[in-house]
C-alpha cells in the first residue's frame, strides 16, 4: 500500500519484503507495468460484467458499480500509457 511516507521516500516500505506474498520485479519499465495493469483491469472487468448478469437486485447494482469503477481506472491507466509512450 502506498502511503505518504512511501511517496516521499520510495525506499521506505510499509511491509518487509519477506512478509509479502506477492511482489513486483525490480527494473520493470513503466510501459510494461502499465500494460500489465491494463490487461489485469480488462480481466477483472470481464469477471465483474459476467457476475453482474448472473445476479439480480441490489447485488447486481453493486457488480455494475464495480464495472464502472474499473472502467474509470482503465481510462486513467490508458491515459498515462498514451502520454508516457505515444504511438506514431
N, C-alpha and C. Protein backbone atom coordinates (compact mmCIF):
# COMPACT_ATOMS: atom_id res chain seq x y z
N UNK A 1 0.84 -1.18 0.00
CA UNK A 1 0.00 0.00 0.00
C UNK A 1 0.89 1.24 0.00
N UNK A 2 0.56 2.19 -0.84
CA UNK A 2 1.34 3.42 -0.91
C UNK A 2 0.75 4.43 0.06
N UNK A 3 1.58 4.92 0.95
CA UNK A 3 1.13 5.97 1.86
C UNK A 3 2.01 7.19 1.64
N UNK A 4 1.77 8.24 2.37
CA UNK A 4 2.52 9.48 2.18
C UNK A 4 4.01 9.29 2.41
N UNK A 5 4.40 8.46 3.38
CA UNK A 5 5.82 8.21 3.63
C UNK A 5 6.45 7.50 2.45
N UNK A 6 5.75 6.54 1.86
CA UNK A 6 6.28 5.83 0.71
C UNK A 6 6.42 6.75 -0.48
N UNK A 7 5.49 7.67 -0.68
CA UNK A 7 5.58 8.62 -1.80
C UNK A 7 6.82 9.50 -1.65
N UNK A 8 7.08 9.94 -0.44
CA UNK A 8 8.22 10.83 -0.22
C UNK A 8 9.53 10.07 -0.23
N UNK A 9 9.51 8.83 0.22
CA UNK A 9 10.73 8.04 0.32
C UNK A 9 10.45 6.64 -0.22
N UNK A 10 10.69 6.43 -1.53
CA UNK A 10 10.36 5.14 -2.14
C UNK A 10 11.08 3.96 -1.49
N UNK A 11 12.18 4.21 -0.80
CA UNK A 11 12.92 3.12 -0.15
C UNK A 11 12.18 2.62 1.09
N UNK A 12 11.27 3.44 1.63
CA UNK A 12 10.51 3.05 2.81
C UNK A 12 9.31 2.22 2.37
N UNK A 13 9.20 1.03 2.89
CA UNK A 13 8.07 0.16 2.57
C UNK A 13 7.31 -0.14 3.85
N UNK A 14 5.99 -0.19 3.75
CA UNK A 14 5.19 -0.45 4.93
C UNK A 14 5.25 -1.92 5.36
N UNK A 15 5.69 -2.80 4.46
CA UNK A 15 5.81 -4.22 4.78
C UNK A 15 7.20 -4.69 4.39
N UNK A 16 7.79 -5.52 5.21
CA UNK A 16 9.08 -6.09 4.86
C UNK A 16 8.89 -7.04 3.70
N UNK A 17 9.89 -7.12 2.82
CA UNK A 17 9.80 -7.97 1.63
C UNK A 17 9.47 -9.41 1.99
N UNK A 18 10.08 -9.94 3.04
CA UNK A 18 9.84 -11.34 3.39
C UNK A 18 8.44 -11.59 3.92
N UNK A 19 7.68 -10.55 4.25
CA UNK A 19 6.32 -10.71 4.73
C UNK A 19 5.30 -10.67 3.59
N UNK A 20 5.71 -10.32 2.40
CA UNK A 20 4.80 -10.21 1.27
C UNK A 20 4.57 -11.56 0.60
N UNK A 21 3.36 -11.76 0.13
CA UNK A 21 3.06 -12.94 -0.65
C UNK A 21 3.42 -12.69 -2.11
N UNK A 22 3.09 -11.50 -2.60
CA UNK A 22 3.35 -11.13 -3.98
C UNK A 22 4.28 -9.93 -4.01
N UNK A 23 5.02 -9.81 -5.09
CA UNK A 23 5.87 -8.64 -5.27
C UNK A 23 6.01 -8.37 -6.77
N UNK A 24 6.56 -7.23 -7.10
CA UNK A 24 6.80 -6.84 -8.48
C UNK A 24 8.31 -6.81 -8.69
N UNK A 25 8.74 -7.44 -9.76
CA UNK A 25 10.17 -7.47 -10.05
C UNK A 25 10.71 -6.06 -10.18
N UNK A 26 11.93 -5.87 -9.73
CA UNK A 26 12.61 -4.59 -9.90
C UNK A 26 12.98 -4.40 -11.38
N UNK A 27 13.19 -3.17 -11.75
CA UNK A 27 13.69 -2.79 -13.08
C UNK A 27 12.72 -3.06 -14.22
N UNK A 28 11.42 -3.17 -13.93
CA UNK A 28 10.44 -3.25 -15.00
C UNK A 28 10.12 -1.84 -15.44
N UNK A 29 10.02 -1.63 -16.72
CA UNK A 29 9.74 -0.30 -17.24
C UNK A 29 8.30 0.13 -17.00
N UNK A 30 8.09 1.42 -17.07
CA UNK A 30 6.75 1.98 -16.88
C UNK A 30 5.76 1.39 -17.87
N UNK A 31 6.16 1.27 -19.12
CA UNK A 31 5.25 0.74 -20.13
C UNK A 31 4.84 -0.69 -19.79
N UNK A 32 5.77 -1.52 -19.39
CA UNK A 32 5.47 -2.90 -19.02
C UNK A 32 4.49 -2.96 -17.86
N UNK A 33 4.73 -2.14 -16.85
CA UNK A 33 3.84 -2.11 -15.68
C UNK A 33 2.44 -1.65 -16.06
N UNK A 34 2.36 -0.61 -16.87
CA UNK A 34 1.05 -0.09 -17.27
C UNK A 34 0.30 -1.06 -18.17
N UNK A 35 1.01 -1.71 -19.08
CA UNK A 35 0.35 -2.69 -19.96
C UNK A 35 -0.19 -3.85 -19.14
N UNK A 36 0.59 -4.33 -18.18
CA UNK A 36 0.11 -5.42 -17.33
C UNK A 36 -1.07 -4.98 -16.48
N UNK A 37 -1.02 -3.76 -15.94
CA UNK A 37 -2.14 -3.24 -15.16
C UNK A 37 -3.40 -3.14 -16.03
N UNK A 38 -3.22 -2.69 -17.26
CA UNK A 38 -4.34 -2.57 -18.18
C UNK A 38 -4.96 -3.93 -18.49
N UNK A 39 -4.12 -4.93 -18.73
CA UNK A 39 -4.62 -6.28 -19.01
C UNK A 39 -5.34 -6.86 -17.79
N UNK A 40 -4.79 -6.62 -16.61
CA UNK A 40 -5.44 -7.11 -15.39
C UNK A 40 -6.80 -6.44 -15.19
N UNK A 41 -6.87 -5.14 -15.44
CA UNK A 41 -8.15 -4.43 -15.31
C UNK A 41 -9.17 -4.98 -16.30
N UNK A 42 -8.74 -5.28 -17.51
CA UNK A 42 -9.66 -5.84 -18.51
C UNK A 42 -10.20 -7.19 -18.04
N UNK A 43 -9.34 -8.00 -17.46
CA UNK A 43 -9.77 -9.31 -16.95
C UNK A 43 -10.76 -9.15 -15.80
N UNK A 44 -10.45 -8.25 -14.88
CA UNK A 44 -11.34 -8.01 -13.74
C UNK A 44 -12.69 -7.48 -14.22
N UNK A 45 -12.65 -6.62 -15.22
CA UNK A 45 -13.89 -6.07 -15.78
C UNK A 45 -14.74 -7.19 -16.39
N UNK A 46 -14.11 -8.10 -17.11
CA UNK A 46 -14.86 -9.23 -17.69
C UNK A 46 -15.51 -10.09 -16.60
N UNK A 47 -14.76 -10.34 -15.53
CA UNK A 47 -15.30 -11.14 -14.43
C UNK A 47 -16.49 -10.43 -13.79
N UNK A 48 -16.33 -9.15 -13.50
CA UNK A 48 -17.40 -8.38 -12.86
C UNK A 48 -18.63 -8.27 -13.76
N UNK A 49 -18.41 -8.07 -15.06
CA UNK A 49 -19.53 -7.98 -16.00
C UNK A 49 -20.28 -9.30 -16.06
N UNK A 50 -19.55 -10.39 -16.14
CA UNK A 50 -20.19 -11.71 -16.15
C UNK A 50 -21.01 -11.91 -14.88
N UNK A 51 -20.43 -11.56 -13.75
CA UNK A 51 -21.13 -11.69 -12.48
C UNK A 51 -22.40 -10.84 -12.46
N UNK A 52 -22.31 -9.62 -12.98
CA UNK A 52 -23.46 -8.71 -12.95
C UNK A 52 -24.66 -9.28 -13.70
N UNK A 53 -24.40 -10.07 -14.73
CA UNK A 53 -25.51 -10.62 -15.50
C UNK A 53 -25.96 -12.00 -15.00
N UNK A 54 -25.32 -12.46 -13.93
CA UNK A 54 -25.71 -13.73 -13.32
C UNK A 54 -26.56 -13.52 -12.07
N UNK A 55 -26.61 -12.28 -11.57
CA UNK A 55 -27.32 -11.98 -10.34
C UNK A 55 -28.35 -10.88 -10.57
N UNK A 56 -29.27 -10.73 -9.63
CA UNK A 56 -30.33 -9.72 -9.73
C UNK A 56 -30.34 -8.86 -8.47
N UNK A 57 -31.12 -7.80 -8.55
CA UNK A 57 -31.36 -6.96 -7.38
C UNK A 57 -30.18 -6.08 -7.01
N UNK A 58 -30.10 -5.75 -5.73
CA UNK A 58 -29.04 -4.84 -5.26
C UNK A 58 -27.62 -5.36 -5.53
N UNK A 59 -27.45 -6.70 -5.49
CA UNK A 59 -26.13 -7.25 -5.75
C UNK A 59 -25.68 -6.96 -7.18
N UNK A 60 -26.65 -6.97 -8.10
CA UNK A 60 -26.32 -6.65 -9.49
C UNK A 60 -25.88 -5.20 -9.60
N UNK A 61 -26.55 -4.33 -8.88
CA UNK A 61 -26.16 -2.92 -8.90
C UNK A 61 -24.74 -2.74 -8.38
N UNK A 62 -24.39 -3.49 -7.35
CA UNK A 62 -23.02 -3.42 -6.81
C UNK A 62 -22.03 -3.89 -7.86
N UNK A 63 -22.30 -5.02 -8.51
CA UNK A 63 -21.40 -5.54 -9.53
C UNK A 63 -21.26 -4.56 -10.69
N UNK A 64 -22.37 -3.95 -11.10
CA UNK A 64 -22.30 -2.96 -12.18
C UNK A 64 -21.52 -1.71 -11.74
N UNK A 65 -21.66 -1.34 -10.47
CA UNK A 65 -20.88 -0.23 -9.94
C UNK A 65 -19.39 -0.53 -9.98
N UNK A 66 -19.04 -1.76 -9.64
CA UNK A 66 -17.64 -2.17 -9.71
C UNK A 66 -17.15 -2.09 -11.15
N UNK A 67 -17.97 -2.51 -12.09
CA UNK A 67 -17.60 -2.41 -13.52
C UNK A 67 -17.33 -0.96 -13.92
N UNK A 68 -18.17 -0.05 -13.48
CA UNK A 68 -17.98 1.36 -13.80
C UNK A 68 -16.70 1.91 -13.20
N UNK A 69 -16.41 1.50 -11.96
CA UNK A 69 -15.17 1.95 -11.31
C UNK A 69 -13.95 1.41 -12.06
N UNK A 70 -14.01 0.15 -12.45
CA UNK A 70 -12.91 -0.45 -13.21
C UNK A 70 -12.71 0.30 -14.52
N UNK A 71 -13.81 0.63 -15.20
CA UNK A 71 -13.71 1.37 -16.46
C UNK A 71 -13.03 2.73 -16.25
N UNK A 72 -13.34 3.40 -15.16
CA UNK A 72 -12.70 4.68 -14.86
C UNK A 72 -11.22 4.53 -14.61
N UNK A 73 -10.83 3.51 -13.87
CA UNK A 73 -9.41 3.27 -13.61
C UNK A 73 -8.71 2.89 -14.91
N UNK A 74 -9.38 2.10 -15.75
CA UNK A 74 -8.80 1.73 -17.05
C UNK A 74 -8.52 2.98 -17.89
N UNK A 75 -9.43 3.93 -17.88
CA UNK A 75 -9.21 5.18 -18.62
C UNK A 75 -7.99 5.92 -18.09
N UNK A 76 -7.80 5.94 -16.78
CA UNK A 76 -6.63 6.59 -16.20
C UNK A 76 -5.34 5.90 -16.63
N UNK A 77 -5.32 4.58 -16.56
CA UNK A 77 -4.13 3.83 -16.96
C UNK A 77 -3.84 4.05 -18.45
N UNK A 78 -4.87 3.99 -19.28
CA UNK A 78 -4.70 4.21 -20.71
C UNK A 78 -4.15 5.60 -21.01
N UNK A 79 -4.65 6.60 -20.29
CA UNK A 79 -4.18 7.98 -20.50
C UNK A 79 -2.69 8.10 -20.15
N UNK A 80 -2.30 7.54 -19.03
CA UNK A 80 -0.89 7.59 -18.62
C UNK A 80 -0.04 6.84 -19.63
N UNK A 81 -0.50 5.68 -20.06
CA UNK A 81 0.25 4.89 -21.05
C UNK A 81 0.40 5.65 -22.36
N UNK A 82 -0.67 6.29 -22.81
CA UNK A 82 -0.62 7.08 -24.04
C UNK A 82 0.34 8.26 -23.92
N UNK A 83 0.33 8.92 -22.77
CA UNK A 83 1.20 10.08 -22.57
C UNK A 83 2.66 9.67 -22.40
N UNK A 84 2.89 8.57 -21.71
CA UNK A 84 4.26 8.12 -21.46
C UNK A 84 4.89 7.46 -22.69
N UNK A 85 4.06 6.79 -23.47
CA UNK A 85 4.55 6.06 -24.64
C UNK A 85 3.59 6.23 -25.81
N UNK A 86 3.58 7.44 -26.41
CA UNK A 86 2.65 7.68 -27.51
C UNK A 86 2.98 6.81 -28.73
N UNK A 87 1.92 6.41 -29.42
CA UNK A 87 2.12 5.65 -30.65
C UNK A 87 2.22 6.60 -31.83
N UNK A 88 2.90 6.17 -32.84
CA UNK A 88 3.13 7.03 -34.02
C UNK A 88 1.88 7.25 -34.80
